[in-house]
Amino acid sequence: MPGPLVVNDSIVIPDIELVWRFSRSSGPGGQGVNTTDSRVELTFDVASSVALPPALKARAIERLGAETITIAASEYRSQLRNREAAAHRLAQRLREAIAAPPKRRRPTKPSRGAVERRIASKKHRSDVKRLRRNF
C-alpha cells in the first residue's frame, strides 16, 4: 500500500509519516500462516505530522487521547488486503478525530398556539371517552 494516505479532500498523509510493521498472524491462512507475515500494524504519529494543521492536530490528539495511533489488521490471509484494511481504518479514525464539533442545540419551547391545540385535542378526547361511559 505504498503512497500517501488520503484522509479527506484537503488532508493527505505522506507515506514517509506512516510506519508499517508486519508479523505472523494468528488468523486464517492454514499452514501458510506459519510462514507469511500477513498481520499488519500501521502507526501514525499525529503530534509530529506536517500534514495536519495545528488546530486539527490539537483536536485529534484531544479526541484520540494519545499522540500516536496504531491500527492492527489480521483478518485477511493476504498481507496486501490487511494493509488496505489498516489504511482504511486509520483514515476513518482520523476523519472522526478531526471532524468539526456538532452544532449546539438551541433550546426552544412550543408556541402558545401549539400548546392550546394540544390541550384542546386532549379535552376533546376526554369528552369522547366520558360520553361513552354508562351512568
N, C-alpha and C. Protein backbone atom coordinates (compact mmCIF):
# COMPACT_ATOMS: atom_id res chain seq x y z
N MET A 1 0.83 -1.18 0.00
CA MET A 1 0.00 0.00 0.00
C MET A 1 0.88 1.24 0.00
N PRO A 2 1.91 1.27 -0.81
CA PRO A 2 2.76 2.46 -0.82
C PRO A 2 2.01 3.65 -1.37
N GLY A 3 2.47 4.80 -0.98
CA GLY A 3 1.83 6.02 -1.43
C GLY A 3 1.16 6.73 -0.28
N PRO A 4 0.70 7.94 -0.55
CA PRO A 4 0.08 8.72 0.52
C PRO A 4 -1.29 8.17 0.91
N LEU A 5 -1.69 8.50 2.14
CA LEU A 5 -2.99 8.08 2.66
C LEU A 5 -3.94 9.27 2.59
N VAL A 6 -5.00 9.13 1.82
CA VAL A 6 -5.97 10.21 1.65
C VAL A 6 -6.99 10.12 2.77
N VAL A 7 -7.04 11.16 3.62
CA VAL A 7 -7.99 11.19 4.73
C VAL A 7 -9.29 11.84 4.28
N ASN A 8 -9.18 13.01 3.65
CA ASN A 8 -10.34 13.68 3.06
C ASN A 8 -9.84 14.54 1.90
N ASP A 9 -10.69 15.40 1.38
CA ASP A 9 -10.32 16.20 0.22
C ASP A 9 -9.12 17.10 0.46
N SER A 10 -8.96 17.59 1.68
CA SER A 10 -7.90 18.55 1.94
C SER A 10 -6.71 17.98 2.70
N ILE A 11 -6.82 16.78 3.25
CA ILE A 11 -5.73 16.22 4.05
C ILE A 11 -5.24 14.91 3.44
N VAL A 12 -3.95 14.90 3.13
CA VAL A 12 -3.29 13.71 2.60
C VAL A 12 -2.03 13.48 3.44
N ILE A 13 -1.92 12.29 4.01
CA ILE A 13 -0.76 11.96 4.84
C ILE A 13 0.32 11.36 3.95
N PRO A 14 1.51 11.94 3.92
CA PRO A 14 2.57 11.37 3.08
C PRO A 14 3.02 10.01 3.62
N ASP A 15 3.47 9.18 2.73
CA ASP A 15 3.88 7.82 3.07
C ASP A 15 5.02 7.82 4.09
N ILE A 16 5.85 8.84 4.09
CA ILE A 16 7.01 8.89 4.99
C ILE A 16 6.58 8.98 6.45
N GLU A 17 5.34 9.48 6.72
CA GLU A 17 4.87 9.62 8.10
C GLU A 17 4.19 8.35 8.62
N LEU A 18 4.00 7.36 7.77
CA LEU A 18 3.34 6.12 8.18
C LEU A 18 4.40 5.06 8.46
N VAL A 19 4.26 4.36 9.58
CA VAL A 19 5.20 3.29 9.95
C VAL A 19 4.45 1.96 9.87
N TRP A 20 4.94 1.08 9.00
CA TRP A 20 4.32 -0.24 8.80
C TRP A 20 5.17 -1.28 9.52
N ARG A 21 4.50 -2.23 10.20
CA ARG A 21 5.17 -3.39 10.80
C ARG A 21 4.41 -4.63 10.42
N PHE A 22 5.13 -5.70 10.16
CA PHE A 22 4.50 -6.94 9.74
C PHE A 22 4.93 -8.07 10.67
N SER A 23 3.98 -8.95 10.97
CA SER A 23 4.28 -10.10 11.82
C SER A 23 3.38 -11.25 11.42
N ARG A 24 3.61 -12.38 12.04
CA ARG A 24 2.79 -13.55 11.72
C ARG A 24 1.43 -13.43 12.36
N SER A 25 0.44 -13.76 11.59
CA SER A 25 -0.94 -13.62 12.03
C SER A 25 -1.43 -14.89 12.69
N SER A 26 -2.36 -14.74 13.63
CA SER A 26 -2.95 -15.93 14.24
C SER A 26 -4.29 -16.26 13.58
N GLY A 27 -4.65 -15.48 12.58
CA GLY A 27 -5.94 -15.64 11.94
C GLY A 27 -5.93 -16.72 10.87
N PRO A 28 -6.86 -16.63 9.90
CA PRO A 28 -6.98 -17.65 8.87
C PRO A 28 -5.76 -17.69 7.96
N GLY A 29 -5.51 -18.84 7.37
CA GLY A 29 -4.41 -18.95 6.45
C GLY A 29 -3.85 -20.36 6.35
N GLY A 30 -4.34 -21.27 7.16
CA GLY A 30 -3.88 -22.65 7.09
C GLY A 30 -2.41 -22.75 7.49
N GLN A 31 -1.66 -23.63 6.81
CA GLN A 31 -0.25 -23.81 7.15
C GLN A 31 0.57 -22.59 6.74
N GLY A 32 0.06 -21.84 5.76
CA GLY A 32 0.79 -20.67 5.31
C GLY A 32 0.90 -19.60 6.37
N VAL A 33 0.03 -19.64 7.38
CA VAL A 33 0.06 -18.63 8.43
C VAL A 33 1.35 -18.72 9.23
N ASN A 34 1.99 -19.89 9.22
CA ASN A 34 3.23 -20.07 9.98
C ASN A 34 4.44 -19.49 9.27
N THR A 35 4.32 -19.17 8.00
CA THR A 35 5.50 -18.71 7.25
C THR A 35 5.35 -17.30 6.70
N THR A 36 4.14 -16.78 6.59
CA THR A 36 3.98 -15.46 5.99
C THR A 36 3.67 -14.42 7.05
N ASP A 37 4.21 -13.24 6.85
CA ASP A 37 3.96 -12.13 7.76
C ASP A 37 2.75 -11.35 7.26
N SER A 38 1.56 -11.88 7.54
CA SER A 38 0.36 -11.26 6.98
C SER A 38 -0.30 -10.28 7.95
N ARG A 39 0.07 -10.29 9.22
CA ARG A 39 -0.50 -9.32 10.17
C ARG A 39 0.18 -7.98 9.96
N VAL A 40 -0.63 -6.91 9.98
CA VAL A 40 -0.11 -5.58 9.68
C VAL A 40 -0.40 -4.65 10.85
N GLU A 41 0.60 -3.85 11.23
CA GLU A 41 0.41 -2.78 12.20
C GLU A 41 0.80 -1.49 11.52
N LEU A 42 -0.11 -0.54 11.55
CA LEU A 42 0.13 0.77 10.94
C LEU A 42 0.13 1.80 12.04
N THR A 43 1.24 2.54 12.18
CA THR A 43 1.37 3.55 13.23
C THR A 43 1.53 4.92 12.59
N PHE A 44 0.82 5.89 13.16
CA PHE A 44 0.88 7.26 12.68
C PHE A 44 1.05 8.18 13.88
N ASP A 45 2.08 9.03 13.84
CA ASP A 45 2.34 9.98 14.92
C ASP A 45 1.65 11.30 14.59
N VAL A 46 0.56 11.55 15.27
CA VAL A 46 -0.24 12.74 15.00
C VAL A 46 0.53 14.00 15.39
N ALA A 47 1.23 13.95 16.52
CA ALA A 47 1.89 15.14 17.05
C ALA A 47 2.98 15.67 16.13
N SER A 48 3.71 14.79 15.45
CA SER A 48 4.82 15.26 14.62
C SER A 48 4.46 15.34 13.14
N SER A 49 3.19 15.20 12.82
CA SER A 49 2.77 15.23 11.42
C SER A 49 2.78 16.65 10.87
N VAL A 50 3.21 16.77 9.62
CA VAL A 50 3.16 18.07 8.94
C VAL A 50 1.92 18.15 8.05
N ALA A 51 1.20 17.06 7.91
CA ALA A 51 0.02 17.03 7.04
C ALA A 51 -1.20 17.67 7.69
N LEU A 52 -1.21 17.72 9.01
CA LEU A 52 -2.36 18.28 9.73
C LEU A 52 -2.06 19.70 10.19
N PRO A 53 -3.00 20.62 9.99
CA PRO A 53 -2.83 21.97 10.55
C PRO A 53 -2.85 21.91 12.08
N PRO A 54 -2.24 22.89 12.74
CA PRO A 54 -2.15 22.83 14.22
C PRO A 54 -3.51 22.69 14.92
N ALA A 55 -4.53 23.37 14.44
CA ALA A 55 -5.84 23.29 15.11
C ALA A 55 -6.41 21.87 15.01
N LEU A 56 -6.32 21.26 13.82
CA LEU A 56 -6.83 19.89 13.65
C LEU A 56 -5.97 18.89 14.42
N LYS A 57 -4.67 19.15 14.47
CA LYS A 57 -3.76 18.27 15.21
C LYS A 57 -4.15 18.26 16.69
N ALA A 58 -4.39 19.45 17.26
CA ALA A 58 -4.78 19.54 18.68
C ALA A 58 -6.11 18.84 18.92
N ARG A 59 -7.07 19.04 18.01
CA ARG A 59 -8.38 18.40 18.14
C ARG A 59 -8.25 16.89 18.09
N ALA A 60 -7.43 16.39 17.16
CA ALA A 60 -7.25 14.94 17.02
C ALA A 60 -6.60 14.34 18.26
N ILE A 61 -5.57 15.00 18.78
CA ILE A 61 -4.89 14.47 19.97
C ILE A 61 -5.84 14.46 21.16
N GLU A 62 -6.65 15.50 21.28
CA GLU A 62 -7.61 15.56 22.39
C GLU A 62 -8.65 14.45 22.28
N ARG A 63 -9.17 14.23 21.08
CA ARG A 63 -10.22 13.22 20.91
C ARG A 63 -9.68 11.80 20.96
N LEU A 64 -8.47 11.59 20.45
CA LEU A 64 -7.90 10.24 20.46
C LEU A 64 -7.33 9.87 21.82
N GLY A 65 -6.92 10.88 22.59
CA GLY A 65 -6.34 10.61 23.90
C GLY A 65 -4.90 10.16 23.82
N ALA A 66 -4.28 10.26 22.66
CA ALA A 66 -2.89 9.87 22.50
C ALA A 66 -2.30 10.62 21.32
N GLU A 67 -0.97 10.69 21.29
CA GLU A 67 -0.31 11.38 20.18
C GLU A 67 -0.03 10.46 19.00
N THR A 68 -0.10 9.16 19.21
CA THR A 68 0.11 8.22 18.12
C THR A 68 -1.10 7.28 18.02
N ILE A 69 -1.37 6.86 16.80
CA ILE A 69 -2.45 5.91 16.54
C ILE A 69 -1.81 4.65 15.96
N THR A 70 -2.16 3.51 16.50
CA THR A 70 -1.69 2.23 15.95
C THR A 70 -2.90 1.40 15.59
N ILE A 71 -2.95 0.97 14.34
CA ILE A 71 -4.03 0.14 13.83
C ILE A 71 -3.45 -1.22 13.47
N ALA A 72 -4.06 -2.29 13.95
CA ALA A 72 -3.63 -3.64 13.61
C ALA A 72 -4.70 -4.31 12.76
N ALA A 73 -4.28 -5.02 11.74
CA ALA A 73 -5.21 -5.74 10.88
C ALA A 73 -4.65 -7.13 10.60
N SER A 74 -5.47 -8.14 10.88
CA SER A 74 -5.05 -9.52 10.60
C SER A 74 -6.22 -10.37 10.17
N GLU A 75 -7.28 -9.74 9.69
CA GLU A 75 -8.48 -10.52 9.37
C GLU A 75 -8.43 -11.20 8.02
N TYR A 76 -7.48 -10.83 7.18
CA TYR A 76 -7.37 -11.45 5.85
C TYR A 76 -6.13 -12.33 5.78
N ARG A 77 -6.13 -13.25 4.82
CA ARG A 77 -4.99 -14.13 4.64
C ARG A 77 -3.84 -13.42 3.96
N SER A 78 -4.16 -12.42 3.16
CA SER A 78 -3.14 -11.74 2.37
C SER A 78 -2.65 -10.48 3.08
N GLN A 79 -1.35 -10.25 3.04
CA GLN A 79 -0.77 -9.06 3.64
C GLN A 79 -1.29 -7.80 2.94
N LEU A 80 -1.45 -7.86 1.64
CA LEU A 80 -1.92 -6.70 0.89
C LEU A 80 -3.31 -6.27 1.35
N ARG A 81 -4.22 -7.24 1.52
CA ARG A 81 -5.58 -6.90 1.97
C ARG A 81 -5.57 -6.36 3.39
N ASN A 82 -4.69 -6.90 4.23
CA ASN A 82 -4.57 -6.38 5.60
C ASN A 82 -4.01 -4.97 5.59
N ARG A 83 -3.08 -4.69 4.67
CA ARG A 83 -2.55 -3.33 4.56
C ARG A 83 -3.65 -2.36 4.14
N GLU A 84 -4.47 -2.77 3.19
CA GLU A 84 -5.58 -1.92 2.74
C GLU A 84 -6.58 -1.70 3.87
N ALA A 85 -6.87 -2.74 4.64
CA ALA A 85 -7.82 -2.62 5.75
C ALA A 85 -7.28 -1.67 6.83
N ALA A 86 -5.99 -1.79 7.14
CA ALA A 86 -5.38 -0.93 8.16
C ALA A 86 -5.39 0.53 7.70
N ALA A 87 -5.05 0.77 6.43
CA ALA A 87 -5.04 2.14 5.91
C ALA A 87 -6.46 2.72 5.93
N HIS A 88 -7.44 1.92 5.55
CA HIS A 88 -8.83 2.38 5.55
C HIS A 88 -9.28 2.75 6.96
N ARG A 89 -8.95 1.90 7.94
CA ARG A 89 -9.36 2.16 9.32
C ARG A 89 -8.65 3.39 9.90
N LEU A 90 -7.37 3.56 9.56
CA LEU A 90 -6.64 4.75 10.03
C LEU A 90 -7.27 6.02 9.47
N ALA A 91 -7.57 6.01 8.18
CA ALA A 91 -8.20 7.19 7.56
C ALA A 91 -9.54 7.47 8.22
N GLN A 92 -10.33 6.44 8.51
CA GLN A 92 -11.63 6.61 9.15
C GLN A 92 -11.47 7.20 10.55
N ARG A 93 -10.53 6.67 11.34
CA ARG A 93 -10.30 7.19 12.69
C ARG A 93 -9.87 8.65 12.66
N LEU A 94 -9.01 9.00 11.70
CA LEU A 94 -8.56 10.38 11.59
C LEU A 94 -9.71 11.30 11.18
N ARG A 95 -10.55 10.84 10.24
CA ARG A 95 -11.70 11.65 9.83
C ARG A 95 -12.60 11.95 11.03
N GLU A 96 -12.85 10.93 11.86
CA GLU A 96 -13.70 11.12 13.03
C GLU A 96 -13.03 12.04 14.05
N ALA A 97 -11.70 11.93 14.19
CA ALA A 97 -10.99 12.72 15.19
C ALA A 97 -10.89 14.19 14.82
N ILE A 98 -10.82 14.50 13.53
CA ILE A 98 -10.65 15.91 13.13
C ILE A 98 -11.96 16.54 12.70
N ALA A 99 -13.06 15.81 12.77
CA ALA A 99 -14.35 16.34 12.34
C ALA A 99 -14.75 17.53 13.21
N ALA A 100 -15.44 18.47 12.60
CA ALA A 100 -15.91 19.65 13.34
C ALA A 100 -16.91 19.21 14.40
N PRO A 101 -16.89 19.88 15.55
CA PRO A 101 -17.86 19.50 16.58
C PRO A 101 -19.28 19.80 16.10
N PRO A 102 -20.26 19.01 16.55
CA PRO A 102 -21.63 19.25 16.10
C PRO A 102 -22.14 20.59 16.62
N LYS A 103 -23.07 21.19 15.87
CA LYS A 103 -23.64 22.46 16.30
C LYS A 103 -24.43 22.25 17.58
N ARG A 104 -24.35 23.24 18.47
CA ARG A 104 -25.09 23.16 19.72
C ARG A 104 -26.57 23.35 19.46
N ARG A 105 -27.38 22.60 20.17
CA ARG A 105 -28.83 22.71 20.02
C ARG A 105 -29.29 23.97 20.74
N ARG A 106 -30.09 24.76 20.04
CA ARG A 106 -30.66 25.95 20.65
C ARG A 106 -32.00 25.56 21.25
N PRO A 107 -32.15 25.66 22.56
CA PRO A 107 -33.39 25.23 23.17
C PRO A 107 -34.57 26.09 22.70
N THR A 108 -35.68 25.45 22.44
CA THR A 108 -36.88 26.16 22.02
C THR A 108 -38.05 25.70 22.87
N LYS A 109 -39.14 26.45 22.83
CA LYS A 109 -40.34 26.00 23.52
C LYS A 109 -41.50 26.06 22.54
N PRO A 110 -42.52 25.23 22.77
CA PRO A 110 -43.64 25.23 21.83
C PRO A 110 -44.38 26.57 21.85
N SER A 111 -44.94 26.94 20.70
CA SER A 111 -45.68 28.20 20.63
C SER A 111 -46.97 28.09 21.43
N ARG A 112 -47.55 29.24 21.74
CA ARG A 112 -48.79 29.23 22.53
C ARG A 112 -49.90 28.52 21.76
N GLY A 113 -49.96 28.74 20.44
CA GLY A 113 -50.97 28.07 19.63
C GLY A 113 -50.83 26.56 19.67
N ALA A 114 -49.57 26.07 19.63
CA ALA A 114 -49.34 24.62 19.68
C ALA A 114 -49.80 24.04 21.01
N VAL A 115 -49.50 24.77 22.10
CA VAL A 115 -49.92 24.30 23.43
C VAL A 115 -51.44 24.26 23.50
N GLU A 116 -52.09 25.32 23.00
CA GLU A 116 -53.55 25.37 23.05
C GLU A 116 -54.18 24.25 22.21
N ARG A 117 -53.64 23.99 21.03
CA ARG A 117 -54.15 22.90 20.19
C ARG A 117 -53.99 21.55 20.88
N ARG A 118 -52.86 21.35 21.54
CA ARG A 118 -52.63 20.08 22.23
C ARG A 118 -53.64 19.90 23.36
N ILE A 119 -53.85 20.93 24.14
CA ILE A 119 -54.78 20.84 25.26
C ILE A 119 -56.22 20.66 24.75
N ALA A 120 -56.56 21.36 23.65
CA ALA A 120 -57.91 21.22 23.09
C ALA A 120 -58.14 19.79 22.60
N SER A 121 -57.11 19.18 21.96
CA SER A 121 -57.28 17.80 21.48
C SER A 121 -57.40 16.83 22.65
N LYS A 122 -56.68 17.10 23.76
CA LYS A 122 -56.80 16.25 24.94
C LYS A 122 -58.20 16.37 25.54
N LYS A 123 -58.73 17.59 25.59
CA LYS A 123 -60.08 17.78 26.14
C LYS A 123 -61.12 17.09 25.26
N HIS A 124 -60.94 17.20 23.94
CA HIS A 124 -61.87 16.54 23.02
C HIS A 124 -61.84 15.03 23.23
N ARG A 125 -60.65 14.46 23.33
CA ARG A 125 -60.51 13.01 23.54
C ARG A 125 -61.15 12.60 24.87
N SER A 126 -60.95 13.43 25.90
CA SER A 126 -61.53 13.16 27.21
C SER A 126 -63.06 13.18 27.14
N ASP A 127 -63.60 14.16 26.40
CA ASP A 127 -65.06 14.24 26.26
C ASP A 127 -65.61 13.01 25.52
N VAL A 128 -64.92 12.58 24.47
CA VAL A 128 -65.37 11.40 23.72
C VAL A 128 -65.43 10.18 24.64
N LYS A 129 -64.40 9.99 25.45
CA LYS A 129 -64.38 8.82 26.34
C LYS A 129 -65.42 8.97 27.46
N ARG A 130 -65.61 10.21 27.94
CA ARG A 130 -66.59 10.44 29.02
C ARG A 130 -68.00 10.13 28.51
N LEU A 131 -68.31 10.47 27.26
CA LEU A 131 -69.64 10.24 26.71
C LEU A 131 -69.91 8.76 26.43
N ARG A 132 -68.87 7.97 26.34
CA ARG A 132 -69.06 6.52 26.11
C ARG A 132 -69.44 5.79 27.37
N ARG A 133 -69.15 6.38 28.52
CA ARG A 133 -69.40 5.70 29.79
C ARG A 133 -70.89 5.50 30.03
N ASN A 134 -71.17 4.43 30.75
CA ASN A 134 -72.56 4.19 31.18
C ASN A 134 -72.75 4.81 32.55
N PHE A 135 -73.80 5.58 32.72
CA PHE A 135 -74.04 6.21 34.02
C PHE A 135 -75.05 5.45 34.81
